[in-house]
C-alpha atoms as a PDB file:
ATOM      1  CA  UNK A   1      53.313  76.885  99.685  1.00  0.00           C
ATOM      2  CA  UNK A   2      52.704  79.538  97.028  1.00  0.00           C
ATOM      3  CA  UNK A   3      53.414  78.928  93.384  1.00  0.00           C
ATOM      4  CA  UNK A   4      53.379  81.228  90.409  1.00  0.00           C
ATOM      5  CA  UNK A   5      52.046  79.835  87.183  1.00  0.00           C
ATOM      6  CA  UNK A   6      54.041  80.938  84.173  1.00  0.00           C
ATOM      7  CA  UNK A   7      52.610  78.576  81.573  1.00  0.00           C
ATOM      8  CA  UNK A   8      51.134  80.663  78.782  1.00  0.00           C
ATOM      9  CA  UNK A   9      47.466  80.895  78.005  1.00  0.00           C
ATOM     10  CA  UNK A  10      47.080  80.132  74.312  1.00  0.00           C
ATOM     11  CA  UNK A  11      44.454  82.121  72.414  1.00  0.00           C
ATOM     12  CA  UNK A  12      43.674  80.418  69.110  1.00  0.00           C
ATOM     13  CA  UNK A  13      42.763  82.952  66.455  1.00  0.00           C
ATOM     14  CA  UNK A  14      43.676  86.528  65.674  1.00  0.00           C
ATOM     15  CA  UNK A  15      40.302  87.822  64.584  1.00  0.00           C
ATOM     16  CA  UNK A  16      38.539  90.500  66.620  1.00  0.00           C
ATOM     17  CA  UNK A  17      37.508  88.143  69.419  1.00  0.00           C
ATOM     18  CA  UNK A  18      40.910  86.450  69.644  1.00  0.00           C
ATOM     19  CA  UNK A  19      42.729  89.781  69.760  1.00  0.00           C
ATOM     20  CA  UNK A  20      40.377  91.186  72.413  1.00  0.00           C
ATOM     21  CA  UNK A  21      40.822  88.023  74.512  1.00  0.00           C
ATOM     22  CA  UNK A  22      44.623  88.125  74.210  1.00  0.00           C
ATOM     23  CA  UNK A  23      44.769  91.835  75.062  1.00  0.00           C
ATOM     24  CA  UNK A  24      42.439  91.445  78.047  1.00  0.00           C
ATOM     25  CA  UNK A  25      44.397  88.489  79.404  1.00  0.00           C
ATOM     26  CA  UNK A  26      47.729  90.312  79.135  1.00  0.00           C
ATOM     27  CA  UNK A  27      46.219  93.328  80.902  1.00  0.00           C
ATOM     28  CA  UNK A  28      45.253  90.931  83.696  1.00  0.00           C
ATOM     29  CA  UNK A  29      48.892  89.928  84.035  1.00  0.00           C
ATOM     30  CA  UNK A  30      48.783  86.604  82.223  1.00  0.00           C
ATOM     31  CA  UNK A  31      51.450  85.201  79.950  1.00  0.00           C
ATOM     32  CA  UNK A  32      49.660  84.959  76.578  1.00  0.00           C
ATOM     33  CA  UNK A  33      50.480  83.391  73.235  1.00  0.00           C
ATOM     34  CA  UNK A  34      48.158  84.334  70.370  1.00  0.00           C
ATOM     35  CA  UNK A  35      48.074  81.923  67.417  1.00  0.00           C
ATOM     36  CA  UNK A  36      46.969  83.318  64.085  1.00  0.00           C
ATOM     37  CA  UNK A  37      47.840  85.798  61.400  1.00  0.00           C
ATOM     38  CA  UNK A  38      47.034  89.398  62.247  1.00  0.00           C
ATOM     39  CA  UNK A  39      44.077  90.503  60.112  1.00  0.00           C
ATOM     40  CA  UNK A  40      44.498  92.915  57.235  1.00  0.00           C
ATOM     41  CA  UNK A  41      42.698  96.224  56.999  1.00  0.00           C
ATOM     42  CA  UNK A  42      40.697  95.677  53.815  1.00  0.00           C
ATOM     43  CA  UNK A  43      37.453  94.342  55.340  1.00  0.00           C
ATOM     44  CA  UNK A  44      34.658  96.677  54.183  1.00  0.00           C
ATOM     45  CA  UNK A  45      32.081  95.225  56.609  1.00  0.00           C
ATOM     46  CA  UNK A  46      31.085  96.537  60.022  1.00  0.00           C
ATOM     47  CA  UNK A  47      30.733  94.950  63.444  1.00  0.00           C
ATOM     48  CA  UNK A  48      27.803  95.695  65.747  1.00  0.00           C
ATOM     49  CA  UNK A  49      28.711  95.477  69.422  1.00  0.00           C
ATOM     50  CA  UNK A  50      26.063  95.618  72.115  1.00  0.00           C
ATOM     51  CA  UNK A  51      26.557  97.506  75.390  1.00  0.00           C
ATOM     52  CA  UNK A  52      28.001  94.589  77.425  1.00  0.00           C
ATOM     53  CA  UNK A  53      30.825  94.345  74.862  1.00  0.00           C
ATOM     54  CA  UNK A  54      31.301  98.134  74.936  1.00  0.00           C
ATOM     55  CA  UNK A  55      31.546  98.070  78.734  1.00  0.00           C
ATOM     56  CA  UNK A  56      34.179  95.329  78.472  1.00  0.00           C
ATOM     57  CA  UNK A  57      36.177  97.325  75.902  1.00  0.00           C
ATOM     58  CA  UNK A  58      36.021 100.317  78.280  1.00  0.00           C
ATOM     59  CA  UNK A  59      37.212  98.125  81.151  1.00  0.00           C
ATOM     60  CA  UNK A  60      40.307  96.979  79.238  1.00  0.00           C
ATOM     61  CA  UNK A  61      41.068 100.470  77.920  1.00  0.00           C
ATOM     62  CA  UNK A  62      40.274 100.008  74.220  1.00  0.00           C
ATOM     63  CA  UNK A  63      37.000 101.871  73.826  1.00  0.00           C
ATOM     64  CA  UNK A  64      38.450 105.395  73.811  1.00  0.00           C
ATOM     65  CA  UNK A  65      40.364 104.565  70.603  1.00  0.00           C
ATOM     66  CA  UNK A  66      37.379 102.823  68.974  1.00  0.00           C
ATOM     67  CA  UNK A  67      34.618 105.268  69.950  1.00  0.00           C
ATOM     68  CA  UNK A  68      35.503 108.054  67.471  1.00  0.00           C
ATOM     69  CA  UNK A  69      34.787 105.595  64.629  1.00  0.00           C
ATOM     70  CA  UNK A  70      31.599 104.114  66.130  1.00  0.00           C
ATOM     71  CA  UNK A  71      27.991 104.929  65.286  1.00  0.00           C
ATOM     72  CA  UNK A  72      25.431 104.499  68.088  1.00  0.00           C
ATOM     73  CA  UNK A  73      22.557 102.102  67.484  1.00  0.00           C
ATOM     74  CA  UNK A  74      19.653 103.979  69.031  1.00  0.00           C
ATOM     75  CA  UNK A  75      16.818 102.121  67.313  1.00  0.00           C
ATOM     76  CA  UNK A  76      16.197  98.402  66.853  1.00  0.00           C
ATOM     77  CA  UNK A  77      13.519  97.093  64.531  1.00  0.00           C
ATOM     78  CA  UNK A  78      12.383  93.471  64.509  1.00  0.00           C
ATOM     79  CA  UNK A  79      10.897  92.258  61.246  1.00  0.00           C
ATOM     80  CA  UNK A  80       9.193  88.993  60.374  1.00  0.00           C
ATOM     81  CA  UNK A  81      11.231  87.793  57.420  1.00  0.00           C
ATOM     82  CA  UNK A  82       9.178  84.677  56.810  1.00  0.00           C
ATOM     83  CA  UNK A  83       6.955  84.133  53.800  1.00  0.00           C
ATOM     84  CA  UNK A  84       3.977  83.047  55.852  1.00  0.00           C
ATOM     85  CA  UNK A  85       0.551  84.277  54.826  1.00  0.00           C
ATOM     86  CA  UNK A  86       0.080  85.923  58.218  1.00  0.00           C
ATOM     87  CA  UNK A  87       3.233  87.629  59.493  1.00  0.00           C
ATOM     88  CA  UNK A  88       4.014  89.311  62.752  1.00  0.00           C
ATOM     89  CA  UNK A  89       3.986  93.092  62.588  1.00  0.00           C
ATOM     90  CA  UNK A  90       7.314  94.892  62.768  1.00  0.00           C
ATOM     91  CA  UNK A  91       8.252  96.244  66.175  1.00  0.00           C
ATOM     92  CA  UNK A  92      10.566  99.190  66.818  1.00  0.00           C
ATOM     93  CA  UNK A  93      12.407  99.828  70.061  1.00  0.00           C
ATOM     94  CA  UNK A  94      14.240 102.999  71.097  1.00  0.00           C
ATOM     95  CA  UNK A  95      17.200 102.843  73.492  1.00  0.00           C
ATOM     96  CA  UNK A  96      15.738 105.814  75.342  1.00  0.00           C
ATOM     97  CA  UNK A  97      12.777 103.629  76.342  1.00  0.00           C
ATOM     98  CA  UNK A  98      15.108 101.713  78.663  1.00  0.00           C
ATOM     99  CA  UNK A  99      17.074 104.742  79.815  1.00  0.00           C
ATOM    100  CA  UNK A 100      20.050 104.132  77.525  1.00  0.00           C
ATOM    101  CA  UNK A 101      21.588 106.397  74.908  1.00  0.00           C
ATOM    102  CA  UNK A 102      22.244 103.397  72.621  1.00  0.00           C
ATOM    103  CA  UNK A 103      21.738  99.633  72.431  1.00  0.00           C
ATOM    104  CA  UNK A 104      25.290  99.330  71.168  1.00  0.00           C
ATOM    105  CA  UNK A 105      27.580 100.660  68.451  1.00  0.00           C
ATOM    106  CA  UNK A 106      28.362  99.806  64.857  1.00  0.00           C
ATOM    107  CA  UNK A 107      32.041 100.026  63.952  1.00  0.00           C
ATOM    108  CA  UNK A 108      33.772  99.719  60.560  1.00  0.00           C
ATOM    109  CA  UNK A 109      35.956  96.599  60.641  1.00  0.00           C
ATOM    110  CA  UNK A 110      38.929  98.480  59.184  1.00  0.00           C
ATOM    111  CA  UNK A 111      38.929 100.815  62.185  1.00  0.00           C
ATOM    112  CA  UNK A 112      38.246  98.099  64.755  1.00  0.00           C
ATOM    113  CA  UNK A 113      41.002  95.921  63.279  1.00  0.00           C
ATOM    114  CA  UNK A 114      43.454  98.819  63.285  1.00  0.00           C
ATOM    115  CA  UNK A 115      42.849  99.613  66.973  1.00  0.00           C
ATOM    116  CA  UNK A 116      43.049  95.961  68.020  1.00  0.00           C
ATOM    117  CA  UNK A 117      46.227  95.248  66.020  1.00  0.00           C
ATOM    118  CA  UNK A 118      47.890  98.338  67.472  1.00  0.00           C
ATOM    119  CA  UNK A 119      46.912  97.350  71.026  1.00  0.00           C
ATOM    120  CA  UNK A 120      48.117  93.803  70.410  1.00  0.00           C
ATOM    121  CA  UNK A 121      51.519  95.029  69.213  1.00  0.00           C
ATOM    122  CA  UNK A 122      51.820  97.172  72.363  1.00  0.00           C
ATOM    123  CA  UNK A 123      50.837  94.266  74.629  1.00  0.00           C
ATOM    124  CA  UNK A 124      53.135  91.659  76.131  1.00  0.00           C
ATOM    125  CA  UNK A 125      51.405  88.838  74.244  1.00  0.00           C
ATOM    126  CA  UNK A 126      53.514  86.729  71.935  1.00  0.00           C
ATOM    127  CA  UNK A 127      52.050  86.609  68.413  1.00  0.00           C
ATOM    128  CA  UNK A 128      52.639  83.462  66.337  1.00  0.00           C
ATOM    129  CA  UNK A 129      51.282  83.360  62.793  1.00  0.00           C
ATOM    130  CA  UNK A 130      51.306  80.124  60.822  1.00  0.00           C
ATOM    131  CA  UNK A 131      53.266  80.336  57.613  1.00  0.00           C
ATOM    132  CA  UNK A 132      51.669  79.216  54.375  1.00  0.00           C
ATOM    133  CA  UNK A 133      53.853  77.099  52.094  1.00  0.00           C
END
């Protein structure tokens, strides 16, 4: 006997991770309900995403809209931020040392939010935002 499950998958939260999860699940054919208010576009911070996250965004078809706004992270520097008398020396790594063009990408949150909100609106996911009284 074959059954089809139609119960929705509930994704709690409409931040970047919640939106990406809801979008990915709908693209996989799942019935999705996303709980949370869609974020606004006034966040002046940035988000650094490493290559596994970039590969996932490519897989679900979001990266091509994000990439024009992204800056590659080609160098990583590790610093000892302690106040010890003897500190570890800083170490710098280049992505090219491991055959990569970048370790990941840094993206302005306003741009990332805009792409994710647009993709969410185009998806089949149901969006439910709690009202504030």
